[in-house]
Amino acid sequence: MFKEGDKISNEPNEERKKETQIVENYAAKLAEHFSSVQIFVTKHDMAAVDGTASITAGSGNWYARYGQVLAWLVRMNKAEENQVTEQ
């Protein structure tokens, strides 16, 4: 937790290293059952430069992961556009 006098930084501290290991372990466990895995997690962290800490981990074919994320973004953008036009 950020306290007065703490530095604002994107450098990983011990807590962030532990959290990163947790995410990497879950990605590895999922990879035992799936051909590609990509995990994104974020949390509010006032010690981070932009106030948000993020961790990613993945396994498997990079192009499959990239394509899946891109397809998801396109779907989400279309859904958002539809909601805006309906209002």
Protein backbone atom coordinates (compact mmCIF):
# COMPACT_ATOMS: atom_id res chain seq x y z
CA MET A 1 0.00 0.00 0.00
CA PHE A 2 1.25 3.49 -0.85
CA LYS A 3 2.29 5.57 2.15
CA GLU A 4 3.42 9.18 2.44
CA GLY A 5 7.06 9.39 1.43
CA ASP A 6 6.97 6.27 -0.76
CA LYS A 7 8.42 6.65 -4.24
CA ILE A 8 6.20 6.48 -7.30
CA SER A 9 7.72 3.92 -9.63
CA ASN A 10 6.98 1.17 -12.13
CA GLU A 11 9.84 -0.91 -10.74
CA PRO A 12 8.58 -4.18 -9.22
CA ASN A 13 8.70 -4.39 -5.44
CA GLU A 14 8.53 -7.62 -3.43
CA GLU A 15 4.71 -7.60 -3.42
CA ARG A 16 4.59 -7.10 -7.21
CA LYS A 17 7.12 -9.90 -7.73
CA LYS A 18 4.94 -12.23 -5.65
CA GLU A 19 1.80 -11.22 -7.56
CA THR A 20 3.60 -11.69 -10.89
CA GLN A 21 4.61 -15.20 -9.84
CA ILE A 22 0.98 -15.99 -8.96
CA VAL A 23 -0.23 -14.86 -12.40
CA GLU A 24 2.58 -16.76 -14.16
CA ASN A 25 1.73 -19.91 -12.19
CA TYR A 26 -1.94 -19.69 -13.24
CA ALA A 27 -0.93 -19.16 -16.87
CA ALA A 28 1.30 -22.25 -16.70
CA LYS A 29 -1.47 -24.30 -15.09
CA LEU A 30 -4.00 -23.25 -17.75
CA ALA A 31 -1.44 -24.04 -20.46
CA GLU A 32 -1.61 -27.68 -19.40
CA HIS A 33 -5.16 -27.73 -20.82
CA PHE A 34 -5.18 -25.06 -23.57
CA SER A 35 -2.97 -24.36 -26.59
CA SER A 36 -2.64 -20.66 -25.79
CA VAL A 37 -3.24 -18.58 -22.69
CA GLN A 38 -3.02 -14.84 -22.07
CA ILE A 39 -3.85 -13.28 -18.71
CA PHE A 40 -4.15 -9.55 -17.95
CA VAL A 41 -4.68 -8.31 -14.42
CA THR A 42 -4.76 -4.79 -12.99
CA LYS A 43 -5.19 -3.23 -9.60
CA HIS A 44 -5.28 0.23 -8.13
CA ASP A 45 -1.80 1.10 -6.82
CA MET A 46 -0.95 4.68 -5.91
CA ALA A 47 2.76 3.79 -5.95
CA ALA A 48 2.58 3.09 -9.70
CA VAL A 49 3.30 5.97 -12.05
CA ASP A 50 -0.26 6.07 -13.43
CA GLY A 51 -1.98 4.75 -10.29
CA THR A 52 -2.60 1.33 -11.81
CA ALA A 53 -0.43 -1.76 -11.56
CA SER A 54 -0.74 -4.33 -14.31
CA ILE A 55 0.65 -7.81 -14.77
CA THR A 56 0.45 -10.00 -17.86
CA ALA A 57 1.44 -13.60 -18.43
CA GLY A 58 1.00 -15.89 -21.36
CA SER A 59 1.88 -19.22 -22.85
CA GLY A 60 1.57 -20.86 -26.22
CA ASN A 61 1.48 -19.46 -29.73
CA TRP A 62 2.01 -15.69 -29.60
CA TYR A 63 0.03 -15.10 -32.80
CA ALA A 64 -2.96 -17.04 -31.46
CA ARG A 65 -2.88 -14.98 -28.26
CA TYR A 66 -2.52 -11.73 -30.19
CA GLY A 67 -5.36 -12.67 -32.55
CA GLN A 68 -7.66 -13.60 -29.71
CA VAL A 69 -7.02 -10.33 -27.88
CA LEU A 70 -7.49 -8.34 -31.09
CA ALA A 71 -10.77 -10.14 -31.87
CA TRP A 72 -11.99 -9.44 -28.33
CA LEU A 73 -11.13 -5.74 -28.65
CA VAL A 74 -12.99 -5.49 -31.96
CA ARG A 75 -16.07 -7.17 -30.40
CA MET A 76 -15.95 -4.85 -27.38
CA ASN A 77 -15.58 -1.76 -29.59
CA LYS A 78 -18.59 -2.81 -31.70
CA ALA A 79 -20.64 -3.49 -28.58
CA GLU A 80 -19.70 -0.06 -27.20
CA GLU A 81 -20.60 1.62 -30.51
CA ASN A 82 -23.98 -0.15 -30.49
CA GLN A 83 -24.69 1.01 -26.94
CA VAL A 84 -23.80 4.61 -27.82
CA THR A 85 -26.02 4.65 -30.91
CA GLU A 86 -28.93 3.11 -28.97
CA GLN A 87 -28.89 5.92 -26.41
